[in-house]
Protein backbone atom coordinates (compact mmCIF):
# COMPACT_ATOMS: atom_id res chain seq x y z
CA MET A 1 31.51 71.22 19.32
CA SER A 2 33.29 68.76 21.65
CA ARG A 3 32.48 68.19 25.31
CA SER A 4 35.36 68.57 27.71
CA GLU A 5 33.48 67.19 30.72
CA VAL A 6 30.02 66.34 31.98
CA VAL A 7 28.57 67.74 35.19
CA PHE A 8 26.12 65.57 37.14
CA ARG A 9 23.76 67.44 39.43
CA ILE A 10 21.86 65.57 42.12
CA THR A 11 18.12 66.19 41.55
CA ILE A 12 16.71 63.76 44.14
CA SER A 13 18.30 62.54 47.37
CA LYS A 14 16.46 59.79 49.28
CA GLU A 15 18.11 59.08 52.64
CA CYS A 16 21.54 59.31 50.99
CA PRO A 17 24.19 59.38 53.76
CA CYS A 18 26.68 61.34 51.68
CA TYR A 19 25.05 63.93 49.40
CA GLU A 20 22.18 66.41 49.12
CA THR A 21 20.02 67.72 46.29
CA GLY A 22 21.89 70.32 44.19
CA GLU A 23 25.44 69.01 44.76
CA GLU A 24 27.51 68.26 41.67
CA PHE A 25 30.08 65.75 40.32
CA ARG A 26 32.33 66.40 37.35
CA LEU A 27 33.37 63.60 35.03
CA SER A 28 35.93 63.74 32.24
CA GLY A 29 38.10 61.23 30.35
CA ASN A 30 37.70 58.37 27.97
CA ALA A 31 37.41 54.59 28.03
CA LEU A 32 39.32 52.67 25.31
CA LEU A 33 39.43 49.00 24.37
CA LEU A 34 42.65 48.17 22.53
CA GLU A 35 42.84 44.92 20.55
CA LEU A 36 46.44 43.84 19.84
CA GLU A 37 46.59 40.56 18.04
CA LYS A 38 44.93 38.11 20.48
CA GLU A 39 45.12 40.36 23.52
CA LYS A 40 42.68 43.00 24.58
CA THR A 41 43.69 45.90 26.83
CA PHE A 42 41.14 48.18 28.48
CA ILE A 43 42.25 51.73 29.33
CA SER A 44 40.15 54.19 31.36
CA THR A 45 41.16 57.80 31.95
CA ALA A 46 38.15 58.69 34.08
CA ILE A 47 38.56 61.71 36.38
CA ILE A 48 35.71 62.23 38.83
CA THR A 49 35.58 65.34 41.02
CA PRO A 50 33.05 64.98 43.87
CA PRO A 51 31.47 67.89 45.78
CA PHE A 52 34.03 69.89 47.80
CA ASN A 53 34.84 68.61 51.26
CA GLN A 54 32.25 65.78 51.16
CA LYS A 55 32.52 62.07 51.83
CA THR A 56 33.46 59.90 48.86
CA CYS A 57 30.70 57.43 47.92
CA ARG A 58 32.30 54.53 46.11
CA THR A 59 28.89 53.30 44.93
CA LEU A 60 28.05 56.45 43.03
CA LEU A 61 31.64 56.87 41.73
CA ALA A 62 31.48 53.29 40.36
CA ASP A 63 28.13 54.05 38.69
CA LEU A 64 29.60 57.16 36.97
CA THR A 65 32.73 55.27 35.90
CA ARG A 66 30.59 52.51 34.49
CA LEU A 67 28.63 55.08 32.51
CA LEU A 68 31.82 56.36 30.91
CA ILE A 69 32.94 52.82 30.13
CA GLU A 70 29.60 51.96 28.48
CA ASN A 71 29.69 55.06 26.28
CA GLY A 72 33.45 55.36 25.61
CA SER A 73 33.70 59.17 26.23
CA VAL A 74 31.81 62.04 27.73
CA ASP A 75 30.70 63.04 24.22
CA ARG A 76 28.53 59.97 24.01
CA ILE A 77 26.89 60.09 27.45
CA PRO A 78 23.12 60.62 26.98
CA ALA A 79 21.41 63.53 28.74
CA ASP A 80 19.12 61.22 30.72
CA GLU A 81 18.46 60.94 34.43
CA ILE A 82 20.57 58.29 36.17
CA CYS A 83 19.73 56.47 39.36
CA CYS A 84 22.46 55.50 41.79
CA SER A 85 22.55 51.73 42.53
CA GLY A 86 22.24 52.75 46.16
CA CYS A 87 23.39 51.58 49.58
CA THR A 88 21.22 52.67 52.52
CA GLY A 89 19.74 55.45 50.34
CA SER A 90 19.75 56.57 46.76
CA VAL A 91 20.19 59.64 44.55
CA HIS A 92 19.10 60.65 41.05
CA VAL A 93 21.57 62.61 38.96
CA VAL A 94 21.03 64.48 35.71
CA PRO A 95 23.97 65.28 33.41
CA ARG A 96 24.64 68.66 31.82
CA PHE A 97 27.54 69.42 29.51
CA ASP A 98 30.24 72.08 29.50
CA GLU A 99 31.08 72.79 25.87
CA ARG A 100 33.86 74.86 24.32
CA ALA A 101 34.24 75.88 20.67
CA ALA A 102 36.45 73.37 18.82
CA GLY A 103 39.66 75.18 17.92
CA GLY A 104 38.05 78.56 17.99
CA GLY A 105 39.28 79.82 21.33
CA LEU A 106 36.11 81.87 21.71
CA HIS A 107 35.17 80.39 25.09
CA LYS A 108 37.39 80.14 28.11
CA SER A 109 37.84 76.71 29.73
CA ARG A 110 36.21 76.04 33.10
CA SER A 111 39.65 76.09 34.72
CA GLU A 112 40.38 79.53 33.34
CA ASN A 113 37.03 80.83 34.52
CA ILE A 114 37.69 79.46 38.04
CA ASP A 115 41.04 81.22 38.07
CA ILE A 116 39.40 84.54 37.10
CA ILE A 117 36.80 84.25 39.88
CA ALA A 118 39.47 83.19 42.37
CA GLY A 119 41.47 86.27 41.41
CA LEU A 120 38.40 88.44 41.98
CA LEU A 121 37.75 86.89 45.40
CA SER A 122 41.37 87.44 46.50
CA ASN A 123 40.59 91.20 46.53
CA PHE A 124 37.79 90.75 49.11
CA SER A 125 38.72 91.14 52.75
CA ILE A 126 37.10 87.88 53.80
CA PHE A 127 39.36 85.84 51.41
CA GLN A 128 42.62 87.85 51.41
CA SER A 129 44.47 85.42 53.70
CA LEU A 130 43.78 82.42 51.36
CA ASP A 131 46.07 81.28 48.54
CA ARG A 132 44.89 80.68 44.95
CA HIS A 133 44.58 76.89 45.45
CA ASN A 134 42.21 77.26 48.42
CA LEU A 135 40.22 79.97 46.64
CA ARG A 136 39.69 77.61 43.70
CA ASP A 137 38.12 75.11 46.13
CA ILE A 138 35.74 77.76 47.49
CA VAL A 139 34.73 78.90 43.97
CA SER A 140 33.23 75.47 43.33
CA LEU A 141 30.77 76.06 46.16
CA LEU A 142 29.59 79.53 45.02
CA LYS A 143 26.47 80.47 43.09
CA LEU A 144 25.80 83.81 41.41
CA LYS A 145 22.50 85.69 41.28
CA LYS A 146 21.33 89.10 40.08
CA TYR A 147 18.62 91.06 41.86
CA PRO A 148 16.66 94.08 40.55
CA ARG A 149 16.09 97.19 42.65
CA GLY A 150 13.50 96.72 45.42
CA THR A 151 14.10 93.00 45.91
CA VAL A 152 14.19 91.77 49.50
CA ILE A 153 17.02 89.22 49.71
CA LEU A 154 16.68 88.55 53.46
CA LYS A 155 13.69 89.29 55.66
CA LYS A 156 13.98 89.91 59.41
CA GLY A 157 12.74 86.93 61.44
CA THR A 158 13.22 84.32 58.79
CA PRO A 159 15.91 81.58 58.90
CA ALA A 160 19.07 82.31 56.90
CA GLN A 161 20.05 79.67 54.35
CA HIS A 162 23.10 81.27 52.67
CA LEU A 163 26.07 83.52 53.21
CA TYR A 164 26.01 86.38 50.68
CA ILE A 165 28.81 88.54 49.26
CA VAL A 166 28.05 91.63 47.19
CA LEU A 167 29.84 91.67 43.80
CA ALA A 168 28.18 94.83 42.39
CA GLY A 169 25.38 97.22 43.28
CA GLU A 170 24.07 98.25 46.70
CA VAL A 171 21.83 96.73 49.33
CA ASP A 172 20.47 98.35 52.49
CA VAL A 173 20.24 96.69 55.93
CA LEU A 174 16.88 97.82 57.45
CA ASP A 175 15.43 97.56 60.90
CA GLU A 176 11.82 96.50 61.65
CA GLU A 177 10.59 100.03 60.94
CA GLY A 178 12.41 100.29 57.59
CA VAL A 179 15.13 102.59 58.84
CA CYS A 180 18.49 102.03 57.08
CA LEU A 181 21.12 100.72 59.48
CA SER A 182 23.87 100.45 56.91
CA THR A 183 24.51 100.17 53.14
CA LEU A 184 26.53 97.25 51.79
CA ARG A 185 28.58 97.42 48.55
CA LYS A 186 31.18 95.42 46.65
CA GLY A 187 33.00 92.92 48.91
CA ASP A 188 30.62 93.29 51.82
CA VAL A 189 29.14 90.20 53.51
CA PHE A 190 25.66 89.55 54.95
CA GLY A 191 23.73 86.63 56.36
CA GLU A 192 26.68 85.35 58.37
CA MET A 193 25.35 86.23 61.83
CA SER A 194 22.21 84.14 61.51
CA LEU A 195 24.17 81.18 60.08
CA ILE A 196 26.72 81.27 62.94
CA SER A 197 24.20 81.69 65.68
CA GLY A 198 21.46 79.53 64.26
CA ASN A 199 18.95 82.28 65.00
CA PRO A 200 16.48 84.00 62.59
CA VAL A 201 17.74 86.90 60.48
CA GLY A 202 18.10 90.05 62.62
CA ALA A 203 17.47 92.64 59.90
CA THR A 204 15.94 92.92 56.46
CA VAL A 205 18.31 93.25 53.45
CA LYS A 206 16.84 95.08 50.45
CA VAL A 207 18.34 95.95 47.06
CA VAL A 208 18.55 99.74 46.43
CA GLN A 209 20.76 99.55 43.29
CA PRO A 210 20.60 96.54 40.96
CA ALA A 211 22.86 94.04 42.64
CA THR A 212 24.93 90.99 41.72
CA VAL A 213 25.75 88.70 44.62
CA ILE A 214 27.48 85.37 45.14
CA PHE A 215 26.30 83.05 47.83
CA ILE A 216 27.26 79.78 49.55
CA LYS A 217 24.87 77.35 51.23
CA GLY A 218 24.84 77.40 55.02
CA GLN A 219 26.10 73.82 55.31
CA ASP A 220 28.99 74.47 52.96
CA PHE A 221 29.73 77.76 54.75
CA ARG A 222 30.26 75.91 58.03
CA ARG A 223 32.62 73.43 56.42
CA VAL A 224 34.63 76.34 55.01
CA LEU A 225 34.81 77.93 58.45
CA ASN A 226 36.01 74.68 59.98
CA ARG A 227 38.74 74.41 57.31
CA PHE A 228 39.95 78.01 57.30
CA PRO A 229 40.47 79.61 60.84
CA SER A 230 41.43 82.90 59.14
CA ILE A 231 37.83 83.26 57.86
CA GLN A 232 36.61 82.55 61.43
CA MET A 233 38.78 85.42 62.70
CA TYR A 234 37.53 87.78 60.00
CA LEU A 235 33.89 87.07 60.75
CA ALA A 236 34.53 87.38 64.50
CA ARG A 237 35.87 90.93 63.95
CA LEU A 238 33.00 91.71 61.58
CA LEU A 239 30.43 90.52 64.16
CA ALA A 240 32.09 92.63 66.82
CA GLN A 241 31.96 95.74 64.65
CA ARG A 242 28.28 95.19 63.76
CA LEU A 243 27.34 94.44 67.31
CA ALA A 244 29.00 97.66 68.39
CA LYS A 245 26.90 99.61 65.86
CA SER A 246 23.53 97.99 66.02
CA ASN A 247 23.28 96.21 69.36
CA LEU A 248 25.49 98.19 71.75
CA VAL A 249 22.67 99.24 74.17
CA ARG A 250 21.38 95.73 74.64
CA ALA A 251 24.94 94.37 74.99
CA GLU A 252 25.77 96.89 77.72
CA GLU A 253 22.47 96.21 79.52
CA ILE A 254 23.10 92.48 79.63
CA ALA A 255 26.75 92.88 80.66
CA SER A 256 25.66 95.14 83.48
CA GLY A 257 23.37 92.50 85.05
CA MET A 258 20.28 92.46 82.92
CA ALA A 259 17.84 89.52 83.16
CA GLY A 260 15.62 88.32 80.33
CA ARG A 261 13.98 85.45 78.46
CA LEU A 262 15.74 83.06 76.08
CA SER A 263 12.79 83.49 73.71
CA GLU A 264 13.96 87.11 73.28
CA MET A 265 17.68 86.45 73.14
CA PRO A 266 18.72 82.79 72.67
CA PRO A 267 21.87 81.29 74.27
CA SER A 268 24.03 81.52 71.17
CA GLU A 269 23.37 85.23 70.85
CA LEU A 270 23.92 85.85 74.57
CA ALA A 271 27.24 84.01 74.44
CA GLN A 272 28.37 85.91 71.35
CA THR A 273 27.46 89.21 72.95
CA LEU A 274 29.56 88.44 76.08
CA ASN A 275 32.43 87.12 73.98
CA LEU A 276 32.58 89.99 71.52
CA ASN A 277 32.42 92.59 74.29
CA GLN A 278 35.06 90.73 76.29
CA LYS A 279 32.93 90.56 79.44
CA THR A 280 33.74 88.84 82.70
CA GLY A 281 30.96 87.31 84.81
CA LYS A 282 28.49 84.53 85.28
CA LEU A 283 25.45 83.83 83.07
CA SER A 284 22.84 81.96 85.11
CA LEU A 285 20.06 80.18 83.25
CA THR A 286 16.76 78.73 84.49
CA LEU A 287 15.82 76.04 81.96
CA PRO A 288 12.83 73.67 81.86
CA GLN A 289 15.05 70.73 82.95
CA GLY A 290 16.81 72.69 85.69
CA PRO A 291 19.45 75.38 86.29
CA ALA A 292 22.49 75.95 84.06
CA GLU A 293 25.49 78.26 84.11
CA LEU A 294 28.10 79.76 81.75
CA VAL A 295 31.18 81.51 83.15
CA PHE A 296 33.11 84.04 81.04
CA ARG A 297 36.44 85.73 81.68
CA ASP A 298 37.39 88.59 79.30
CA GLY A 299 34.97 87.11 76.82
CA ASP A 300 36.41 83.58 76.94
CA LEU A 301 34.22 80.67 78.09
CA VAL A 302 35.89 79.01 81.11
CA GLN A 303 33.11 76.95 82.62
CA ALA A 304 29.73 75.50 81.67
CA ARG A 305 27.25 73.42 83.71
CA CYS A 306 23.90 71.97 82.75
CA ASN A 307 22.30 69.25 84.88
CA ALA A 308 24.95 66.51 85.29
CA GLN A 309 27.00 67.78 82.37
CA GLU A 310 30.09 70.01 82.64
CA GLY A 311 32.43 71.67 80.12
CA LEU A 312 31.74 71.63 76.40
CA GLU A 313 29.02 68.95 76.65
CA ALA A 314 27.07 71.31 78.94
CA PHE A 315 27.71 74.29 76.61
CA PHE A 316 26.40 72.40 73.59
CA SER A 317 23.28 71.38 75.51
CA ILE A 318 22.57 74.93 76.57
CA LEU A 319 22.91 76.18 73.00
CA ALA A 320 19.91 74.00 72.02
CA GLU A 321 17.59 75.65 74.56
CA SER A 322 14.97 78.20 73.49
CA GLU A 323 12.81 78.50 76.63
CA GLY A 324 13.76 79.78 80.07
CA ARG A 325 15.24 82.81 81.73
CA PHE A 326 18.73 84.24 82.13
CA GLN A 327 20.61 86.69 84.29
CA PHE A 328 24.19 87.98 83.94
CA ARG A 329 26.24 88.97 86.98
CA PRO A 330 29.56 90.75 86.28
CA LYS A 331 31.59 89.14 89.11
CA LEU A 332 33.69 85.97 89.57
CA SER A 333 35.23 84.26 92.51
CA LYS A 334 39.01 83.89 92.87
CA GLU A 335 38.73 80.21 91.82
CA GLU A 336 36.63 81.07 88.73
CA ASN A 337 39.16 83.75 87.70
CA GLU A 338 41.83 81.02 87.53
CA LEU A 339 39.88 78.48 85.45
CA PRO A 340 41.42 77.51 82.08
CA VAL A 341 39.69 78.54 78.87
CA LEU A 342 37.52 75.76 77.36
CA GLY A 343 38.65 76.61 73.85
CA ALA A 344 38.64 79.21 71.10
CA PHE A 345 35.16 80.68 71.32
CA MET A 346 34.27 80.83 67.60
CA GLU A 347 35.47 77.27 67.08
CA ILE A 348 33.41 75.76 69.96
CA LEU A 349 30.35 77.80 68.97
CA LEU A 350 30.52 76.55 65.39
CA GLU A 351 31.09 73.00 66.67
CA GLY A 352 28.03 73.30 68.88
CA LEU A 353 25.89 74.52 66.01
CA ARG A 354 27.13 71.70 63.82
CA ARG A 355 26.23 69.16 66.49
CA MET A 356 22.82 70.76 66.84
CA ASP A 357 22.22 70.18 63.14
CA GLU A 358 23.31 66.55 63.46
CA ALA A 359 21.09 66.07 66.51
CA VAL A 360 18.04 67.43 64.64
CA ASN A 361 18.68 65.00 61.77
CA SER A 362 19.30 62.02 64.03
CA GLY A 363 16.69 62.78 66.69
CA GLU A 364 19.33 62.90 69.42
CA SER A 365 20.07 65.64 71.94
CA PRO A 366 23.23 67.79 71.23
CA GLY A 367 24.92 66.16 74.27
CA GLU A 368 24.33 62.66 72.84
CA ALA A 369 25.74 63.77 69.45
CA LEU A 370 29.09 64.49 71.10
CA ILE A 371 30.08 60.82 71.22
């Protein structure tokens, strides 16, 4: 057996500014020292592939390159834990090896396997607008898992951590009383609404026929959305369809002037409801720090105010609120009807959620994270 490459998986991440536990690097190549008469020539063919769409840490890349140089080839790298030499933080990585039968052709190379999976994904509606090159990038972020009948994959009220796509089998979407709202099969997606809104899962997902699913971590999912607008559009249509089926009554009540509490329906969900139903009107909010306001025209956000903030800064601050009251009034003034749109709704919503994540990690408010 000969090793074609070594995969380093991060097992511990201590205040590392670039990478998280579970992310992977791939290292291949050789390091040769050629002695020609009195001259010595060093040749390195190291190829290092970092996690998709992440920052490049020169410190860790140098550590991995040094490891290849010290051992000469990936065949000789020991299967021991390695500690990054560190900058402001540190990570521990553990190597594992991809092996193929020498000359036997019994095992497909990793590249061939990626092509096969990319070809499979191209048949799914969510990925049909992407070319093979982009699909290969997404494949590197996916994990596969099999679930037996009766397994609860998502439970209503819990936070979503992944986006799921069904490869085989069937899963039911259940309400709080166990009534089946819909059945998902090959190519269907679930978990996306909670990831996009930042709210807890709205329904339980349970396996009814042994299922195989692929999933992507929430953080990676948001990076993919930012990179591929076509996936944003697909999910926007999907959310609209699901809202029409499972949440139509509440949507119509709110759009007709209903008042309520943010603890029952948070700002991100309110805004999505008005956007997906293409409503026109003013959403007034009474928040702990004072009044706020969102103005919609045909579902587009055209104005936002919160304390001294206006525009997108105000919208991002409102998204972070969980306490207070709201009321929607389906009427705008002539001036409000002529306001320009603040931006593509799905894009600014995702940007707001991303900034909320950054604010939580840094201890800032979402408005401060804008700068």
